[in-house]
Amino acid sequence: QLQASGGGSVQAGGSLRLSCAASGRSISEYSMGWFRQAPGKEREFVSAVSWSGSTLFADSVKGRFTISRDKAKNTVHLQMNSLKPEDTAVYYCAATKVVFSYLANKEKYYYWGRGTQVTVSS
């Protein structure tokens, strides 16, 4: 089971740190991804970290977001800096074992957590 947390409301330029905690299984053998869904839009890829530590980011968040995993705490973090109003969405974490080249494809993820709302005001 995956549980996302850390969402909230911030002003543009602010920061938030999302966490995705796993229970019932170790995430060390999984690649972990973050996706987001804004009202009326499809769920889109944000970032992913492979089981080996390689990272991937959507162009829209490159240079602003970082992703990391804490194996000891069985948790993945998404640090979001320089937030923009267009980052407003429900953020979801997910787990997969597909190869790196598929990490941006939401259809390839096996397990999903419940989302956490991020609201960025201008």
C-alpha atoms as a PDB file:
ATOM      1  CA  GLN A   1       0.000   0.000   0.000  1.00  0.00           C
ATOM      2  CA  LEU A   2       1.263   3.463  -0.909  1.00  0.00           C
ATOM      3  CA  GLN A   3       0.343   6.623   0.936  1.00  0.00           C
ATOM      4  CA  ALA A   4       1.172  10.071  -0.392  1.00  0.00           C
ATOM      5  CA  SER A   5       1.387  13.033   1.950  1.00  0.00           C
ATOM      6  CA  GLY A   6       2.815  16.520   2.197  1.00  0.00           C
ATOM      7  CA  GLY A   7       0.465  18.404  -0.055  1.00  0.00           C
ATOM      8  CA  GLY A   8      -0.915  21.799   0.816  1.00  0.00           C
ATOM      9  CA  SER A   9      -1.446  25.351  -0.332  1.00  0.00           C
ATOM     10  CA  VAL A  10       1.452  27.651  -1.124  1.00  0.00           C
ATOM     11  CA  GLN A  11       2.062  30.840  -3.031  1.00  0.00           C
ATOM     12  CA  ALA A  12       3.904  30.876  -6.318  1.00  0.00           C
ATOM     13  CA  GLY A  13       7.623  30.520  -5.758  1.00  0.00           C
ATOM     14  CA  GLY A  14       7.146  28.448  -2.655  1.00  0.00           C
ATOM     15  CA  SER A  15       8.159  24.870  -1.927  1.00  0.00           C
ATOM     16  CA  LEU A  16       6.562  21.648  -0.801  1.00  0.00           C
ATOM     17  CA  ARG A  17       7.949  18.212  -0.100  1.00  0.00           C
ATOM     18  CA  LEU A  18       5.756  15.267  -0.911  1.00  0.00           C
ATOM     19  CA  SER A  19       6.344  11.865   0.608  1.00  0.00           C
ATOM     20  CA  CYS A  20       5.200   8.448  -0.482  1.00  0.00           C
ATOM     21  CA  ALA A  21       5.350   5.838   2.241  1.00  0.00           C
ATOM     22  CA  ALA A  22       4.987   2.171   1.457  1.00  0.00           C
ATOM     23  CA  SER A  23       3.609  -0.425   3.803  1.00  0.00           C
ATOM     24  CA  GLY A  24       3.353  -4.143   3.423  1.00  0.00           C
ATOM     25  CA  ARG A  25       6.219  -4.441   0.970  1.00  0.00           C
ATOM     26  CA  SER A  26       9.682  -3.031   0.403  1.00  0.00           C
ATOM     27  CA  ILE A  27       9.970  -0.511  -2.403  1.00  0.00           C
ATOM     28  CA  SER A  28      13.686  -1.117  -2.835  1.00  0.00           C
ATOM     29  CA  GLU A  29      13.043  -3.437  -5.779  1.00  0.00           C
ATOM     30  CA  TYR A  30      10.557  -1.079  -7.424  1.00  0.00           C
ATOM     31  CA  SER A  31      10.895   2.021  -9.490  1.00  0.00           C
ATOM     32  CA  MET A  32       8.737   4.780  -8.085  1.00  0.00           C
ATOM     33  CA  GLY A  33       6.920   7.490  -9.943  1.00  0.00           C
ATOM     34  CA  TRP A  34       4.974  10.657  -9.244  1.00  0.00           C
ATOM     35  CA  PHE A  35       2.071  11.712 -11.408  1.00  0.00           C
ATOM     36  CA  ARG A  36      -0.384  14.567 -11.148  1.00  0.00           C
ATOM     37  CA  GLN A  37      -3.874  15.296 -12.312  1.00  0.00           C
ATOM     38  CA  ALA A  38      -5.388  18.736 -12.595  1.00  0.00           C
ATOM     39  CA  PRO A  39      -9.162  19.222 -12.870  1.00  0.00           C
ATOM     40  CA  GLY A  40     -10.399  18.338 -16.327  1.00  0.00           C
ATOM     41  CA  LYS A  41      -7.031  17.026 -17.436  1.00  0.00           C
ATOM     42  CA  GLU A  42      -5.483  13.618 -17.809  1.00  0.00           C
ATOM     43  CA  ARG A  43      -3.060  12.267 -15.260  1.00  0.00           C
ATOM     44  CA  GLU A  44       0.448  13.215 -16.334  1.00  0.00           C
ATOM     45  CA  PHE A  45       3.944  12.112 -15.478  1.00  0.00           C
ATOM     46  CA  VAL A  46       6.000  14.290 -13.144  1.00  0.00           C
ATOM     47  CA  SER A  47       9.055  12.348 -12.042  1.00  0.00           C
ATOM     48  CA  ALA A  48      10.387   8.885 -11.357  1.00  0.00           C
ATOM     49  CA  VAL A  49      13.318   7.206  -9.672  1.00  0.00           C
ATOM     50  CA  SER A  50      14.361   3.747 -10.767  1.00  0.00           C
ATOM     51  CA  TRP A  51      15.145   0.942  -8.364  1.00  0.00           C
ATOM     52  CA  SER A  52      18.841   1.666  -9.074  1.00  0.00           C
ATOM     53  CA  GLY A  53      18.527   5.388  -8.397  1.00  0.00           C
ATOM     54  CA  SER A  54      18.310   6.843 -11.893  1.00  0.00           C
ATOM     55  CA  THR A  55      15.902   9.743 -12.149  1.00  0.00           C
ATOM     56  CA  LEU A  56      13.565  11.099 -14.777  1.00  0.00           C
ATOM     57  CA  PHE A  57      11.631  14.350 -14.905  1.00  0.00           C
ATOM     58  CA  ALA A  58       8.955  15.884 -17.060  1.00  0.00           C
ATOM     59  CA  ASP A  59      10.225  18.897 -18.964  1.00  0.00           C
ATOM     60  CA  SER A  60       7.778  21.112 -17.107  1.00  0.00           C
ATOM     61  CA  VAL A  61       9.427  20.415 -13.745  1.00  0.00           C
ATOM     62  CA  LYS A  62      13.090  19.988 -14.665  1.00  0.00           C
ATOM     63  CA  GLY A  63      15.330  22.159 -12.559  1.00  0.00           C
ATOM     64  CA  ARG A  64      12.579  22.770  -9.995  1.00  0.00           C
ATOM     65  CA  PHE A  65      11.710  19.312  -8.664  1.00  0.00           C
ATOM     66  CA  THR A  66      13.949  16.611  -7.281  1.00  0.00           C
ATOM     67  CA  ILE A  67      13.120  13.036  -6.369  1.00  0.00           C
ATOM     68  CA  SER A  68      14.828  10.823  -3.838  1.00  0.00           C
ATOM     69  CA  ARG A  69      14.278   7.573  -2.044  1.00  0.00           C
ATOM     70  CA  ASP A  70      14.922   6.698   1.577  1.00  0.00           C
ATOM     71  CA  LYS A  71      15.324   2.941   1.629  1.00  0.00           C
ATOM     72  CA  ALA A  72      15.595   2.813   5.402  1.00  0.00           C
ATOM     73  CA  LYS A  73      12.171   4.467   5.735  1.00  0.00           C
ATOM     74  CA  ASN A  74      10.692   2.755   2.679  1.00  0.00           C
ATOM     75  CA  THR A  75       9.751   6.190   1.400  1.00  0.00           C
ATOM     76  CA  VAL A  76      10.135   8.286  -1.726  1.00  0.00           C
ATOM     77  CA  HIS A  77      10.187  12.071  -1.643  1.00  0.00           C
ATOM     78  CA  LEU A  78       9.382  14.697  -4.237  1.00  0.00           C
ATOM     79  CA  GLN A  79      10.888  18.067  -3.403  1.00  0.00           C
ATOM     80  CA  MET A  80       9.078  20.784  -5.295  1.00  0.00           C
ATOM     81  CA  ASN A  81      10.661  24.226  -5.473  1.00  0.00           C
ATOM     82  CA  SER A  82       9.765  27.397  -7.360  1.00  0.00           C
ATOM     83  CA  LEU A  83       6.182  26.237  -7.568  1.00  0.00           C
ATOM     84  CA  LYS A  84       3.916  27.729 -10.193  1.00  0.00           C
ATOM     85  CA  PRO A  85       0.116  27.942 -10.358  1.00  0.00           C
ATOM     86  CA  GLU A  86       0.201  25.401 -13.180  1.00  0.00           C
ATOM     87  CA  ASP A  87       1.642  22.872 -10.728  1.00  0.00           C
ATOM     88  CA  THR A  88      -1.734  22.802  -8.989  1.00  0.00           C
ATOM     89  CA  ALA A  89      -3.058  19.240  -9.078  1.00  0.00           C
ATOM     90  CA  VAL A  90      -3.610  16.093  -7.099  1.00  0.00           C
ATOM     91  CA  TYR A  91      -0.286  14.279  -6.903  1.00  0.00           C
ATOM     92  CA  TYR A  92      -0.086  10.493  -6.898  1.00  0.00           C
ATOM     93  CA  CYS A  93       2.771   8.115  -6.250  1.00  0.00           C
ATOM     94  CA  ALA A  94       3.018   4.754  -7.914  1.00  0.00           C
ATOM     95  CA  ALA A  95       5.281   1.720  -8.140  1.00  0.00           C
ATOM     96  CA  THR A  96       6.451  -0.379 -11.053  1.00  0.00           C
ATOM     97  CA  LYS A  97       9.137  -2.784 -12.198  1.00  0.00           C
ATOM     98  CA  VAL A  98       9.259  -1.808 -15.846  1.00  0.00           C
ATOM     99  CA  VAL A  99      12.467  -0.733 -17.523  1.00  0.00           C
ATOM    100  CA  PHE A 100      13.623   2.855 -17.283  1.00  0.00           C
ATOM    101  CA  SER A 101      12.405   3.850 -20.727  1.00  0.00           C
ATOM    102  CA  TYR A 102       8.798   3.209 -19.685  1.00  0.00           C
ATOM    103  CA  LEU A 103       8.840   5.106 -16.395  1.00  0.00           C
ATOM    104  CA  ALA A 104       6.890   8.050 -17.786  1.00  0.00           C
ATOM    105  CA  ASN A 105       4.041   5.767 -18.879  1.00  0.00           C
ATOM    106  CA  LYS A 106       1.312   5.652 -16.244  1.00  0.00           C
ATOM    107  CA  GLU A 107      -0.108   2.474 -17.774  1.00  0.00           C
ATOM    108  CA  LYS A 108       3.022   0.596 -16.706  1.00  0.00           C
ATOM    109  CA  TYR A 109       2.572   1.176 -12.973  1.00  0.00           C
ATOM    110  CA  TYR A 110       1.195  -1.606 -10.817  1.00  0.00           C
ATOM    111  CA  TYR A 111       0.412   0.080  -7.533  1.00  0.00           C
ATOM    112  CA  TRP A 112      -1.004   3.513  -6.840  1.00  0.00           C
ATOM    113  CA  GLY A 113      -1.418   5.538  -3.706  1.00  0.00           C
ATOM    114  CA  ARG A 114      -4.203   7.912  -2.877  1.00  0.00           C
ATOM    115  CA  GLY A 115      -3.388  11.401  -4.002  1.00  0.00           C
ATOM    116  CA  THR A 116      -2.406  14.510  -2.123  1.00  0.00           C
ATOM    117  CA  GLN A 117      -3.621  17.943  -3.190  1.00  0.00           C
ATOM    118  CA  VAL A 118      -1.138  20.650  -4.121  1.00  0.00           C
ATOM    119  CA  THR A 119      -2.514  24.145  -4.663  1.00  0.00           C
ATOM    120  CA  VAL A 120      -0.289  26.998  -5.825  1.00  0.00           C
ATOM    121  CA  SER A 121      -1.741  30.477  -5.821  1.00  0.00           C
ATOM    122  CA  SER A 122      -0.439  33.391  -7.837  1.00  0.00           C
END
